[in-house]
Amino acid sequence: MHRSASRLTRILACAAVPVMLVVAGCSSDSDGKSEDSAASASPTPEAKKSPTVAPARFGKLPEPCSSIGKKTIEDLVPGTKSKGGTEGKSSDISRRGSCSWNGLDDNGVKGSQYRWLDVSFLRYESDVSLAVSAQQRAEESYGKEIAKAEATEGAKEVKTSPAAGIGDEATTVTYKLRKTGEDFTYATVVARTENGVVTLTYNGTGYAGAKNPSTSDITKGAAKAAKEAVASVATANK
């Protein structure tokens, strides 16, 4: 009886071993499958997409000293020293440029008339990293150029008004400024055309008793030259 009981105990112990291994094996497989399933079910982070911004409309600028017609220069700056103008220095002519003309029209005993004309161009590219388009940058620059003209040191009787028919948007700033002992009449036209900004300043005074030019005449002259300068931007990009 005692021997039968001992033998039965040994059989049950041996039989229990594979059961435990099987259970352990099943448990291990189950855990592995669970982890694999969880990993495969985890969402994969989407790749960051670059912001989309509109490309620059204009890729280059016109030659500044050729942006205004010679006939216009002769009319607005009589007695000009150089009809070809004096080009300003630029480290990148595709993004910025300028040109100026000045002249003294001597009328003998009736006095003399002095005129000065300056035009500058700025062109902007889109900035993908900041999600800012070239046009948006030009719009910001347009506002700054107007503010700069309005804040001209020593300027008096400053007036700002819209300039219709010039580019996509334009503003005229007129003022009086005394320098070299004379009173000068100024008109600055700031215009935006797509991703480009054009700033044109025209001014003049009378010497030796000659009458000073009126704000109206200076403004008309500035508007005429500004239209030509703005049109030259599109022409340069055809």
Protein backbone atom coordinates (compact mmCIF):
# COMPACT_ATOMS: atom_id res chain seq x y z
CA MET A 1 0.00 0.00 0.00
CA HIS A 2 2.85 2.33 0.94
CA ARG A 3 4.76 1.49 -2.28
CA SER A 4 1.69 2.12 -4.42
CA ALA A 5 1.22 5.57 -2.85
CA SER A 6 4.87 6.56 -3.44
CA ARG A 7 4.74 5.47 -7.05
CA LEU A 8 1.56 7.43 -7.66
CA THR A 9 3.19 10.56 -6.18
CA ARG A 10 6.19 10.24 -8.51
CA ILE A 11 3.92 9.85 -11.58
CA LEU A 12 1.90 12.91 -10.68
CA ALA A 13 5.09 15.00 -10.10
CA CYS A 14 6.54 14.01 -13.46
CA ALA A 15 3.27 14.64 -15.23
CA ALA A 16 3.11 18.13 -13.71
CA VAL A 17 6.44 19.27 -15.23
CA PRO A 18 5.43 19.39 -18.91
CA VAL A 19 2.15 21.03 -17.95
CA MET A 20 4.01 23.89 -16.27
CA LEU A 21 6.37 24.24 -19.22
CA VAL A 22 3.47 24.30 -21.64
CA VAL A 23 1.69 26.87 -19.52
CA ALA A 24 4.87 28.96 -19.29
CA GLY A 25 5.40 28.62 -23.03
CA CYS A 26 1.84 29.64 -23.79
CA SER A 27 2.15 32.55 -21.42
CA SER A 28 5.37 33.69 -23.10
CA ASP A 29 3.87 33.40 -26.60
CA SER A 30 0.82 35.26 -25.50
CA ASP A 31 2.86 38.12 -24.06
CA GLY A 32 5.05 38.34 -27.17
CA LYS A 33 2.07 38.41 -29.47
CA SER A 34 0.44 41.03 -27.30
CA GLU A 35 3.52 43.27 -27.44
CA ASP A 36 3.88 42.78 -31.21
CA SER A 37 0.22 43.60 -31.72
CA ALA A 38 0.49 46.71 -29.57
CA ALA A 39 3.57 47.86 -31.45
CA SER A 40 1.95 47.36 -34.82
CA ALA A 41 -1.19 49.13 -33.65
CA SER A 42 0.70 52.21 -32.39
CA PRO A 43 0.13 55.21 -34.69
CA THR A 44 3.17 56.34 -36.68
CA PRO A 45 3.82 60.09 -36.34
CA GLU A 46 3.16 61.83 -39.65
CA ALA A 47 6.12 63.53 -41.29
CA LYS A 48 6.08 67.29 -40.85
CA LYS A 49 4.88 68.98 -44.01
CA SER A 50 6.53 72.17 -45.24
CA PRO A 51 4.14 75.13 -45.30
CA THR A 52 2.91 76.13 -48.74
CA VAL A 53 3.48 79.76 -49.75
CA ALA A 54 2.91 81.44 -53.09
CA PRO A 55 6.08 81.92 -55.16
CA ALA A 56 7.41 85.38 -56.02
CA ARG A 57 5.71 86.91 -59.07
CA PHE A 58 8.73 88.94 -60.18
CA GLY A 59 12.18 87.40 -60.28
CA LYS A 60 14.24 90.47 -61.18
CA LEU A 61 14.28 94.25 -61.22
CA PRO A 62 14.66 96.69 -64.12
CA GLU A 63 17.81 98.74 -64.60
CA PRO A 64 17.02 101.70 -62.31
CA CYS A 65 18.39 104.41 -64.61
CA SER A 66 16.37 103.05 -67.53
CA SER A 67 13.11 102.73 -65.59
CA ILE A 68 11.96 106.26 -66.46
CA GLY A 69 11.80 107.56 -70.02
CA LYS A 70 14.32 110.16 -71.20
CA LYS A 71 11.52 112.51 -72.28
CA THR A 72 10.06 112.39 -68.76
CA ILE A 73 13.47 113.11 -67.27
CA GLU A 74 13.89 116.13 -69.58
CA ASP A 75 10.48 117.47 -68.57
CA LEU A 76 10.85 116.93 -64.85
CA VAL A 77 14.56 117.72 -64.45
CA PRO A 78 15.42 120.48 -66.93
CA GLY A 79 19.12 121.24 -67.13
CA THR A 80 19.98 117.80 -65.74
CA LYS A 81 23.68 117.13 -65.45
CA SER A 82 23.32 113.55 -66.67
CA LYS A 83 20.27 112.33 -68.58
CA GLY A 84 21.46 108.78 -67.96
CA GLY A 85 21.18 109.31 -64.23
CA THR A 86 23.48 108.29 -61.40
CA GLU A 87 22.97 104.70 -60.29
CA GLY A 88 23.19 103.91 -56.60
CA LYS A 89 25.42 101.15 -55.27
CA SER A 90 23.82 97.76 -54.54
CA SER A 91 25.19 94.50 -53.20
CA ASP A 92 22.41 92.57 -54.99
CA ILE A 93 20.92 94.25 -58.08
CA SER A 94 18.26 91.53 -58.33
CA ARG A 95 16.77 92.66 -55.00
CA ARG A 96 17.49 96.38 -54.74
CA GLY A 97 18.52 99.25 -56.94
CA SER A 98 18.24 103.03 -57.32
CA CYS A 99 18.99 105.96 -59.61
CA SER A 100 18.86 109.75 -59.28
CA TRP A 101 18.88 112.84 -61.50
CA ASN A 102 19.33 116.51 -60.65
CA GLY A 103 19.55 119.70 -62.65
CA LEU A 104 19.51 123.50 -62.49
CA ASP A 105 17.57 125.36 -65.16
CA ASP A 106 19.12 128.83 -65.27
CA ASN A 107 16.70 131.53 -66.48
CA GLY A 108 19.03 134.48 -66.10
CA VAL A 109 17.47 137.49 -64.37
CA LYS A 110 14.29 135.48 -63.83
CA GLY A 111 16.16 133.15 -61.49
CA SER A 112 16.75 129.44 -61.65
CA GLN A 113 14.76 126.29 -61.01
CA TYR A 114 16.37 123.30 -59.31
CA ARG A 115 14.89 119.80 -59.53
CA TRP A 116 15.91 116.46 -58.08
CA LEU A 117 14.39 113.04 -58.83
CA ASP A 118 15.20 109.72 -57.21
CA VAL A 119 13.74 106.24 -57.70
CA SER A 120 14.48 103.08 -55.72
CA PHE A 121 13.35 99.47 -56.13
CA LEU A 122 13.01 96.63 -53.63
CA ARG A 123 12.11 93.05 -54.55
CA TYR A 124 11.17 90.27 -52.13
CA GLU A 125 11.26 86.46 -52.21
CA SER A 126 8.92 84.08 -50.39
CA ASP A 127 10.17 82.69 -47.07
CA VAL A 128 8.99 79.08 -46.70
CA SER A 129 10.55 78.69 -43.25
CA LEU A 130 8.33 81.49 -41.92
CA ALA A 131 5.37 80.69 -44.19
CA VAL A 132 5.46 84.25 -45.55
CA SER A 133 4.91 84.95 -49.24
CA ALA A 134 6.92 87.44 -51.28
CA GLN A 135 3.82 89.60 -51.66
CA GLN A 136 3.23 89.68 -47.91
CA ARG A 137 6.81 90.82 -47.37
CA ALA A 138 6.38 93.52 -50.01
CA GLU A 139 3.17 94.70 -48.35
CA GLU A 140 5.01 95.07 -45.05
CA SER A 141 7.84 96.96 -46.74
CA TYR A 142 5.34 99.21 -48.51
CA GLY A 143 3.96 100.35 -45.15
CA LYS A 144 7.43 100.98 -43.77
CA GLU A 145 8.45 103.11 -46.77
CA ILE A 146 5.37 105.30 -46.33
CA ALA A 147 6.10 105.73 -42.64
CA LYS A 148 9.70 106.63 -43.45
CA ALA A 149 8.59 109.40 -45.83
CA GLU A 150 6.11 110.76 -43.29
CA ALA A 151 8.84 110.88 -40.64
CA THR A 152 11.35 112.86 -42.75
CA GLU A 153 13.35 114.97 -40.34
CA GLY A 154 12.45 118.64 -40.53
CA ALA A 155 9.46 118.08 -42.81
CA LYS A 156 6.54 120.50 -42.50
CA GLU A 157 2.98 120.45 -43.81
CA VAL A 158 3.13 116.66 -44.24
CA LYS A 159 0.11 115.25 -46.06
CA THR A 160 -0.58 111.65 -47.07
CA SER A 161 -3.10 110.54 -49.69
CA PRO A 162 -3.84 107.52 -51.94
CA ALA A 163 -2.27 107.57 -55.41
CA ALA A 164 -4.74 105.98 -57.81
CA GLY A 165 -3.69 104.05 -60.90
CA ILE A 166 -0.15 103.21 -59.82
CA GLY A 167 0.67 99.54 -59.24
CA ASP A 168 -1.43 97.37 -56.94
CA GLU A 169 -1.47 100.09 -54.30
CA ALA A 170 0.24 103.46 -53.95
CA THR A 171 0.45 106.40 -51.59
CA THR A 172 1.73 109.96 -52.02
CA VAL A 173 3.38 111.87 -49.18
CA THR A 174 3.92 115.61 -49.72
CA TYR A 175 5.77 118.05 -47.51
CA LYS A 176 7.94 121.17 -47.35
CA LEU A 177 11.56 121.04 -46.23
CA ARG A 178 14.03 123.85 -45.71
CA LYS A 179 17.65 123.09 -46.56
CA THR A 180 20.69 125.04 -47.78
CA GLY A 181 18.76 128.17 -46.88
CA GLU A 182 15.93 127.46 -49.34
CA ASP A 183 12.40 126.04 -49.07
CA PHE A 184 11.96 122.83 -51.08
CA THR A 185 8.67 121.25 -52.15
CA TYR A 186 8.63 117.43 -51.94
CA ALA A 187 6.43 114.60 -53.18
CA THR A 188 7.21 110.95 -52.45
CA VAL A 189 5.21 108.20 -54.16
CA VAL A 190 5.44 104.72 -52.64
CA ALA A 191 3.93 101.96 -54.78
CA ARG A 192 3.69 98.19 -54.56
CA THR A 193 3.48 95.96 -57.61
CA GLU A 194 3.14 92.28 -56.65
CA ASN A 195 6.35 91.47 -54.70
CA GLY A 196 8.12 94.70 -55.61
CA VAL A 197 8.14 98.11 -53.92
CA VAL A 198 8.96 101.32 -55.78
CA THR A 199 9.71 104.56 -53.94
CA LEU A 200 10.03 107.73 -56.02
CA THR A 201 10.86 111.15 -54.62
CA TYR A 202 10.65 114.38 -56.61
CA ASN A 203 11.48 117.81 -55.24
CA GLY A 204 12.49 121.30 -56.26
CA THR A 205 12.96 124.95 -55.37
CA GLY A 206 13.42 128.35 -57.00
CA TYR A 207 16.71 130.25 -56.75
CA ALA A 208 17.58 133.92 -57.14
CA GLY A 209 14.05 135.15 -56.74
CA ALA A 210 12.39 132.48 -58.88
CA LYS A 211 9.04 131.21 -57.62
CA ASN A 212 9.04 127.85 -55.83
CA PRO A 213 7.19 124.99 -57.56
CA SER A 214 3.70 124.25 -56.24
CA THR A 215 2.87 121.07 -54.37
CA SER A 216 0.37 120.25 -57.12
CA ASP A 217 2.98 120.46 -59.90
CA ILE A 218 5.55 118.44 -57.97
CA THR A 219 2.93 115.80 -57.12
CA LYS A 220 1.84 115.46 -60.76
CA GLY A 221 5.44 115.07 -61.87
CA ALA A 222 6.14 112.45 -59.21
CA ALA A 223 3.03 110.45 -60.16
CA LYS A 224 3.98 110.46 -63.86
CA ALA A 225 7.49 109.19 -63.17
CA ALA A 226 6.25 106.63 -60.62
CA LYS A 227 3.86 105.09 -63.16
CA GLU A 228 6.72 104.57 -65.60
CA ALA A 229 8.97 103.11 -62.91
CA VAL A 230 6.28 100.66 -61.76
CA ALA A 231 5.52 99.61 -65.34
CA SER A 232 9.23 98.92 -65.92
CA VAL A 233 9.16 96.16 -63.29
CA ALA A 234 6.64 94.09 -65.27
CA THR A 235 8.49 94.83 -68.51
CA ALA A 236 11.77 93.57 -67.04
CA ASN A 237 10.12 90.26 -66.15
CA LYS A 238 8.54 89.47 -69.52
